[in-house]
Amino acid sequence: MAKIILKSRYLRAGSRQHSEHLIRYIAKREGVQKIDDTWKHQSATKEQQKLIEELVRDFPETKDSFEYRDYISKPSKGTASEFISRAIDDNVDLIGKRENYVSYIAKRPRTERHGAHGLFTDADVPINLSKVAEEVANHEGNVWTHIISLRREDAARLGYDNAYAWRNLLRSQAETIAENMKIPLTDLRWYAAYHDESYHPHVHMVIYSAGKEPYLTKLGIRNIKAAFARQIFRHDLLQVYVEQTNHRNELTQKNHDILSDIIARINSGSYDNPTVTDLLLKLSEQMKHHKGKKVYGYLSQAGRNLVNAVVDELAKDNDISLLYDLWYEQRDKITGTYQDTPEQRIPLSQNKEFKAVKNAVIQESLNILYDRITFEEAVSEPEEFAPDEQEPEETKTESSAPKKWWSDPDHPLFQYRKAKEYLDKNSPLYDPAEAVRWLRLSAEQGYEYAQYCLGKLYLLGNEIAQDFPQAESWLEKASDQGNSYAKYSLAKMHLAGLAAQSDAYKAVRLLRESANDGNVWAQYLLGKFYFRGEHTEKNVFEAERLLNASANQKNSQAQYLLAKLYLCEDGIPKDTEKALHWLWKSVRQENRYAQYQLGKMLLFGKDAEQDIQNGIALLSASAEQGNVYAARLLQSYYSGRLRNPSVGMASVRLLSQLARMFTDRLRKNEDGQRAVIEKKLRQKIEEKKQAHGMKMG
């Protein structure tokens, strides 16, 4: 059941006849003050039951309310009274004039007042009730009403049991309301009042436009409801992510386990998917005659059907099916805050969240068509999160010191070096807690390397308790002093969603600054972003420059990616000589993906002189390091079933891409106590807080 209820409709000009029963009940209710609550537990009276029947008949949507559910589960005088009050409250707009409605929500019993009435709006200005009522009554267009309701326990727990909290919430969501009602924010006019009902406190809103006529669709209502739910239950949502953190290692490892299981089945002869292979061959034949853009949206219906068939065939894999179930399970936890029923599950090929896999299928068919050498993705080669700092031997601090630093316990460099001794695991002095004490002394004197080291310790949580706010604070201080390591690690925090207000734009800026300072990992990561078009526009020439800089500093991952850039003809002329140069460089550092790639090229004599012996040796070395692609290729070779590698590896590549895609999306629903967390929803929550919540008065 949804935790929040939102009712939206509009009032036309004019008035409706008052319902006799409803008005009589209002009249009786207005002046009654009940002190003894024991009556609430008695059975509902016949009069109440009759009135409820009439209310449900006249206003069937009232059955969706919390109060009606409470009444059905326990039909007492108390629950009946609450439902009748709520039904009248929700439908006053249908039984009275516009100005009466404004007066009602402002002055009804249990309206929280901070003056003569309880109305508030988007600015702290005095509100003249009579003037507002006349203004709304005389408005020529439609006037919309929203009623947002919570359960009492949720309102009390989350702080939405007072008018101030609701006022701030509505102000923070004004942009969302205007956007979904399809009017400019400057045209939005609204008034509201908070009603402190005992079971289900709620707020009434009256909304109209000073310009363009508002238009609200079912999707718009859902979006507004979702925005309210995300803001109200933001701490609950984050708690969902915290709980999921316990599964972080399982999720991170899931992709590798899937691929390992696939290879185990391949090696035992039990895994084969000729259906995928046949479908890809048919698709590649179709692509031969395709004239337009080679992306899903431009294919013929027959081509799309083939692509969808490949995706749905891949989805039959047990591991992929489990991941899809887990993705829906986590998604339902989020959407369950604002909708009653789980989303209807659809075939993977029809799910827009995973549409990228369709173009991956097309690319595999093109690899077959053009007999391309493919570069498999490095499944588990993470870049450094917080690299070891390389402190210069001579510092400004030393030259300006009145006496030698090594004999001065108050000197920041002495304190920093002392801390490093306590961090040496091979030293009998090893004591992380004591190291932190010395690092703080040094960092508080502004020594950037101590600040970075302290931030890194809190970030990684390997030797002391992990503390992201502390990590961010110290890394910010070191970054402000120009420390390239701190800039890189701080950028990683923002990209992973670990910063208090994660900002991908800030992350890219920090990476640029760090890369310009020569940081090998910043150069590689930013180069990869430019190559893929992630977090920034694709720019293969900038990618080439940055990857070259990192590769020349012996970064084997940069060397491998640079070789891929020179071979793939993706916006830059193919240069086989340079590609082979960097592949050999990476191979000498035992990069398993470089070993696989070069081994494959030598084995097939593709873009390199054929050398089967060295090809097998490199593939074996790669497989021994756990590269599943190398293991698959060797198995095919030794079984005598070696085919064009573009065909033979296609299904495994697609399956691994799907697994990574699921892993990425599952990570988006984690709190991220380590490296990667849910970004999209978390960033939206943070954006709402920044754009509106932090401005609330």
Foldseek 3Di string as FASTA:
>chain_A
DAQKDKDKDWAAADAAAADPVLVVVLVVPQPDDDDDPPQQQAAADPVLVVVVVVLCVVPVVLCVDPLVVVCVVRVGNNSSVLSSVVSCLVCVSRHTAQLVNLVCQFDGPQWDDPPPTFKDWLDPDDDDSNVVSVVRNPDNAIKMKMKMKGFPVLCVVLVVQDPQVVNQLCNLCLCLLCVQQVHDSVFKTKMKIWGRDPTMTMMMMIIAGNDDGTDHDPVSSLSSLLSSLCQSCVVVLLVLQAVCVVCLVVLLCLLLVVLVVQLVCVLVVNDDDVVLLVLLQVLLVVVVPDDDDLALVRDDPVNVVSLLVNQLVLCPPPSNVVLLVLLQVLVCVSSSNRDPDGDDDDRPSPDPLPVVLSSLSSVLSVCVNVLAQDFFDPSDDDFDQQDQDDDDPDDPQQVPDPDGPCVDLQRLVVLQVVLVQLCPPVHPNPDNVSSLVSLCSNVVVLDLNSLSVNLVCLQAVPRHHNDLVSNLVSLVSSVVVVDLSSLQNNLLCLVQVSDPQRDNVSSLVSLVSSVVVLDLRSLQVNLVCLCVVNSHGNDNVSSLVSLVSNVVVLDLVSLQVNLCSQRVPPVDHRDLVSSVVSLVSSVVVVDLSSLQSVLVCQCVVPSHRHDNVSSLVSLVSSVVVPDSLSSQQVSCVVVVNHDSSSSSCSSVSSSSVSSVSSSLSSQLSHSPSHRHHNDPSSNVNSVSCVVRVVPRD
